[in-house]
């Protein structure tokens, strides 16, 4: 076995903790990932805003079209009623 006594295990533990601390100190603090996340979040917000605007526009056109069809049907019914 590699580590057989308490001193060797203690040194191994200290080396692992030191390596972890040094690794955390040298890490870029996630700035690259944070920037990518914020860019994706902003792109998604812009997409949702655009999609919502298009949906509202289509909904308005549908409402206008439905009102126009009702007017045409009412006019058609009036013309049929007037005809002998």
N, C-alpha and C. Protein backbone atom coordinates (compact mmCIF):
# COMPACT_ATOMS: atom_id res chain seq x y z
N UNK A 1 0.82 -1.18 0.00
CA UNK A 1 0.00 0.00 0.00
C UNK A 1 0.86 1.24 0.00
N UNK A 2 0.33 2.28 -0.63
CA UNK A 2 1.11 3.50 -0.74
C UNK A 2 1.15 4.28 0.57
N UNK A 3 0.01 4.51 1.17
CA UNK A 3 -0.05 5.34 2.38
C UNK A 3 -0.44 4.44 3.55
N UNK A 4 0.54 4.12 4.37
CA UNK A 4 0.31 3.14 5.42
C UNK A 4 0.26 3.74 6.82
N UNK A 5 0.89 4.89 7.04
CA UNK A 5 0.85 5.43 8.40
C UNK A 5 0.13 6.77 8.43
N UNK A 6 -0.14 7.27 9.61
CA UNK A 6 -0.94 8.47 9.81
C UNK A 6 -0.24 9.70 9.24
N UNK A 7 1.06 9.76 9.34
CA UNK A 7 1.81 10.93 8.85
C UNK A 7 1.64 11.06 7.34
N UNK A 8 1.75 9.95 6.62
CA UNK A 8 1.59 9.98 5.17
C UNK A 8 0.17 10.41 4.78
N UNK A 9 -0.83 9.92 5.50
CA UNK A 9 -2.21 10.30 5.22
C UNK A 9 -2.45 11.77 5.52
N UNK A 10 -1.84 12.29 6.57
CA UNK A 10 -1.97 13.70 6.91
C UNK A 10 -1.35 14.58 5.83
N UNK A 11 -0.16 14.18 5.36
CA UNK A 11 0.51 14.93 4.29
C UNK A 11 -0.34 14.87 3.03
N UNK A 12 -0.89 13.73 2.73
CA UNK A 12 -1.76 13.60 1.55
C UNK A 12 -2.97 14.51 1.66
N UNK A 13 -3.59 14.55 2.83
CA UNK A 13 -4.74 15.43 3.04
C UNK A 13 -4.36 16.89 2.89
N UNK A 14 -3.22 17.28 3.45
CA UNK A 14 -2.78 18.67 3.33
C UNK A 14 -2.47 19.03 1.87
N UNK A 15 -1.86 18.13 1.13
CA UNK A 15 -1.56 18.39 -0.28
C UNK A 15 -2.85 18.53 -1.08
N UNK A 16 -3.84 17.69 -0.79
CA UNK A 16 -5.12 17.79 -1.50
C UNK A 16 -5.82 19.11 -1.19
N UNK A 17 -5.81 19.52 0.07
CA UNK A 17 -6.44 20.78 0.45
C UNK A 17 -5.70 21.96 -0.17
N UNK A 18 -4.37 21.92 -0.15
CA UNK A 18 -3.57 22.97 -0.76
C UNK A 18 -3.84 23.06 -2.26
N UNK A 19 -3.94 21.92 -2.91
CA UNK A 19 -4.25 21.90 -4.34
C UNK A 19 -5.62 22.48 -4.63
N UNK A 20 -6.58 22.16 -3.80
CA UNK A 20 -7.93 22.71 -3.97
C UNK A 20 -7.93 24.22 -3.79
N UNK A 21 -7.24 24.70 -2.76
CA UNK A 21 -7.17 26.15 -2.51
C UNK A 21 -6.46 26.86 -3.66
N UNK A 22 -5.34 26.33 -4.10
CA UNK A 22 -4.63 26.95 -5.22
C UNK A 22 -5.47 26.92 -6.49
N UNK A 23 -6.17 25.84 -6.72
CA UNK A 23 -7.04 25.75 -7.89
C UNK A 23 -8.15 26.77 -7.87
N UNK A 24 -8.74 26.99 -6.70
CA UNK A 24 -9.79 28.00 -6.58
C UNK A 24 -9.24 29.41 -6.74
N UNK A 25 -8.04 29.64 -6.24
CA UNK A 25 -7.44 30.97 -6.37
C UNK A 25 -7.07 31.27 -7.82
N UNK A 26 -6.68 30.27 -8.56
CA UNK A 26 -6.25 30.48 -9.94
C UNK A 26 -7.40 30.41 -10.94
N UNK A 27 -8.58 30.03 -10.50
CA UNK A 27 -9.73 29.92 -11.40
C UNK A 27 -10.15 31.31 -11.89
N UNK A 28 -10.71 31.39 -13.09
CA UNK A 28 -11.10 32.69 -13.63
C UNK A 28 -12.38 33.23 -13.03
N UNK A 29 -12.88 32.67 -11.99
CA UNK A 29 -14.06 33.11 -11.26
C UNK A 29 -15.34 33.03 -12.11
N UNK A 30 -15.33 32.29 -13.17
CA UNK A 30 -16.54 32.06 -13.95
C UNK A 30 -16.97 33.26 -14.78
N UNK A 31 -16.09 34.20 -15.04
CA UNK A 31 -16.50 35.39 -15.78
C UNK A 31 -16.88 35.05 -17.21
N UNK A 32 -16.19 34.11 -17.81
CA UNK A 32 -16.53 33.72 -19.19
C UNK A 32 -17.93 33.11 -19.23
N UNK A 33 -18.21 32.24 -18.30
CA UNK A 33 -19.53 31.60 -18.28
C UNK A 33 -20.61 32.60 -17.94
N UNK A 34 -20.29 33.52 -17.05
CA UNK A 34 -21.26 34.55 -16.68
C UNK A 34 -21.58 35.43 -17.89
N UNK A 35 -20.55 35.81 -18.65
CA UNK A 35 -20.78 36.62 -19.85
C UNK A 35 -21.61 35.87 -20.87
N UNK A 36 -21.32 34.59 -21.06
CA UNK A 36 -22.10 33.79 -22.01
C UNK A 36 -23.54 33.66 -21.54
N UNK A 37 -23.74 33.46 -20.25
CA UNK A 37 -25.09 33.35 -19.71
C UNK A 37 -25.86 34.66 -19.90
N UNK A 38 -25.21 35.79 -19.60
CA UNK A 38 -25.89 37.07 -19.74
C UNK A 38 -26.21 37.36 -21.20
N UNK A 39 -25.31 37.00 -22.11
CA UNK A 39 -25.58 37.20 -23.54
C UNK A 39 -26.76 36.33 -23.98
N UNK A 40 -26.81 35.10 -23.52
CA UNK A 40 -27.92 34.21 -23.87
C UNK A 40 -29.23 34.72 -23.26
N UNK A 41 -29.17 35.20 -22.03
CA UNK A 41 -30.36 35.75 -21.38
C UNK A 41 -30.88 36.96 -22.14
N UNK A 42 -29.98 37.85 -22.56
CA UNK A 42 -30.39 39.04 -23.31
C UNK A 42 -30.95 38.66 -24.68
N UNK A 43 -30.33 37.69 -25.33
CA UNK A 43 -30.83 37.25 -26.64
C UNK A 43 -32.21 36.63 -26.50
N UNK A 44 -32.41 35.87 -25.45
CA UNK A 44 -33.72 35.25 -25.23
C UNK A 44 -34.77 36.31 -24.93
N UNK A 45 -34.42 37.31 -24.14
CA UNK A 45 -35.37 38.39 -23.83
C UNK A 45 -35.74 39.16 -25.10
N UNK A 46 -34.77 39.40 -25.96
CA UNK A 46 -35.06 40.09 -27.22
C UNK A 46 -35.96 39.23 -28.11
N UNK A 47 -35.68 37.94 -28.14
CA UNK A 47 -36.51 37.03 -28.93
C UNK A 47 -37.95 37.01 -28.41
N UNK A 48 -38.11 36.93 -27.08
CA UNK A 48 -39.45 36.90 -26.50
C UNK A 48 -40.20 38.21 -26.78
N UNK A 49 -39.51 39.32 -26.68
CA UNK A 49 -40.14 40.61 -26.96
C UNK A 49 -40.61 40.67 -28.41
N UNK A 50 -39.76 40.22 -29.32
CA UNK A 50 -40.10 40.21 -30.75
C UNK A 50 -41.25 39.25 -31.02
N UNK A 51 -41.19 38.07 -30.44
CA UNK A 51 -42.25 37.09 -30.66
C UNK A 51 -43.58 37.57 -30.09
N UNK A 52 -43.55 38.20 -28.92
CA UNK A 52 -44.78 38.73 -28.33
C UNK A 52 -45.37 39.85 -29.18
N UNK A 53 -44.50 40.71 -29.72
CA UNK A 53 -44.99 41.79 -30.59
C UNK A 53 -45.63 41.22 -31.86
N UNK A 54 -44.99 40.21 -32.44
CA UNK A 54 -45.57 39.58 -33.64
C UNK A 54 -46.90 38.90 -33.30
N UNK A 55 -46.99 38.27 -32.13
CA UNK A 55 -48.23 37.61 -31.75
C UNK A 55 -49.35 38.63 -31.57
N UNK A 56 -49.02 39.76 -30.91
CA UNK A 56 -50.04 40.80 -30.73
C UNK A 56 -50.50 41.36 -32.07
N UNK A 57 -49.56 41.54 -33.01
CA UNK A 57 -49.90 42.04 -34.35
C UNK A 57 -50.82 41.05 -35.06
N UNK A 58 -50.49 39.76 -35.00
CA UNK A 58 -51.34 38.75 -35.64
C UNK A 58 -52.71 38.68 -34.98
N UNK A 59 -52.74 38.82 -33.67
CA UNK A 59 -54.02 38.80 -32.95
C UNK A 59 -54.88 39.99 -33.36
N UNK A 60 -54.26 41.15 -33.52
CA UNK A 60 -55.00 42.34 -33.96
C UNK A 60 -55.53 42.15 -35.37
N UNK A 61 -54.71 41.58 -36.25
CA UNK A 61 -55.17 41.33 -37.62
C UNK A 61 -56.32 40.34 -37.64
N UNK A 62 -56.25 39.31 -36.80
CA UNK A 62 -57.33 38.33 -36.73
C UNK A 62 -58.62 38.97 -36.23
N UNK A 63 -58.49 39.82 -35.22
CA UNK A 63 -59.66 40.51 -34.68
C UNK A 63 -60.27 41.42 -35.75
N UNK A 64 -59.42 42.15 -36.46
CA UNK A 64 -59.91 43.02 -37.53
C UNK A 64 -60.56 42.20 -38.64
N UNK A 65 -59.96 41.08 -38.97
CA UNK A 65 -60.51 40.23 -40.02
C UNK A 65 -61.86 39.68 -39.61
N UNK A 66 -61.98 39.25 -38.36
CA UNK A 66 -63.25 38.71 -37.87
C UNK A 66 -64.34 39.78 -37.90
N UNK A 67 -64.00 41.00 -37.50
CA UNK A 67 -64.97 42.09 -37.54
C UNK A 67 -65.37 42.39 -38.99
N UNK A 68 -64.41 42.37 -39.88
CA UNK A 68 -64.69 42.61 -41.30
C UNK A 68 -65.60 41.53 -41.87
N UNK A 69 -65.37 40.29 -41.51
CA UNK A 69 -66.22 39.19 -41.98
C UNK A 69 -67.63 39.33 -41.42
N UNK A 70 -67.75 39.70 -40.15
CA UNK A 70 -69.08 39.92 -39.57
C UNK A 70 -69.83 41.04 -40.30
N UNK A 71 -69.09 42.12 -40.62
CA UNK A 71 -69.72 43.21 -41.36
C UNK A 71 -70.17 42.76 -42.74
N UNK A 72 -69.34 41.98 -43.42
CA UNK A 72 -69.72 41.48 -44.74
C UNK A 72 -70.93 40.56 -44.65
N UNK A 73 -70.95 39.70 -43.64
CA UNK A 73 -72.10 38.79 -43.49
C UNK A 73 -73.37 39.56 -43.17
N UNK A 74 -73.26 40.60 -42.34
CA UNK A 74 -74.43 41.42 -42.03
C UNK A 74 -74.91 42.15 -43.29
N UNK A 75 -73.98 42.67 -44.06
CA UNK A 75 -74.35 43.34 -45.31
C UNK A 75 -74.98 42.37 -46.29
N UNK A 76 -74.44 41.16 -46.36
CA UNK A 76 -74.99 40.13 -47.25
C UNK A 76 -76.40 39.76 -46.80
N UNK A 77 -76.62 39.61 -45.50
CA UNK A 77 -77.95 39.29 -45.00
C UNK A 77 -78.92 40.43 -45.28
N UNK A 78 -78.46 41.68 -45.14
CA UNK A 78 -79.33 42.83 -45.42
C UNK A 78 -79.69 42.88 -46.89
N UNK A 79 -78.73 42.61 -47.76
CA UNK A 79 -79.01 42.63 -49.20
C UNK A 79 -79.98 41.50 -49.59
N UNK A 80 -79.84 40.34 -48.97
CA UNK A 80 -80.75 39.24 -49.26
C UNK A 80 -82.17 39.56 -48.77
N UNK A 81 -82.25 40.28 -47.64
CA UNK A 81 -83.56 40.65 -47.11
C UNK A 81 -84.24 41.68 -47.98
N UNK A 82 -83.48 42.56 -48.61
CA UNK A 82 -84.03 43.58 -49.49
C UNK A 82 -84.48 43.00 -50.83
N UNK A 83 -83.83 41.98 -51.28
CA UNK A 83 -84.14 41.39 -52.59
C UNK A 83 -85.51 40.70 -52.52
N UNK A 84 -86.34 40.86 -53.61
CA UNK A 84 -87.67 40.24 -53.59
C UNK A 84 -87.64 38.77 -53.66
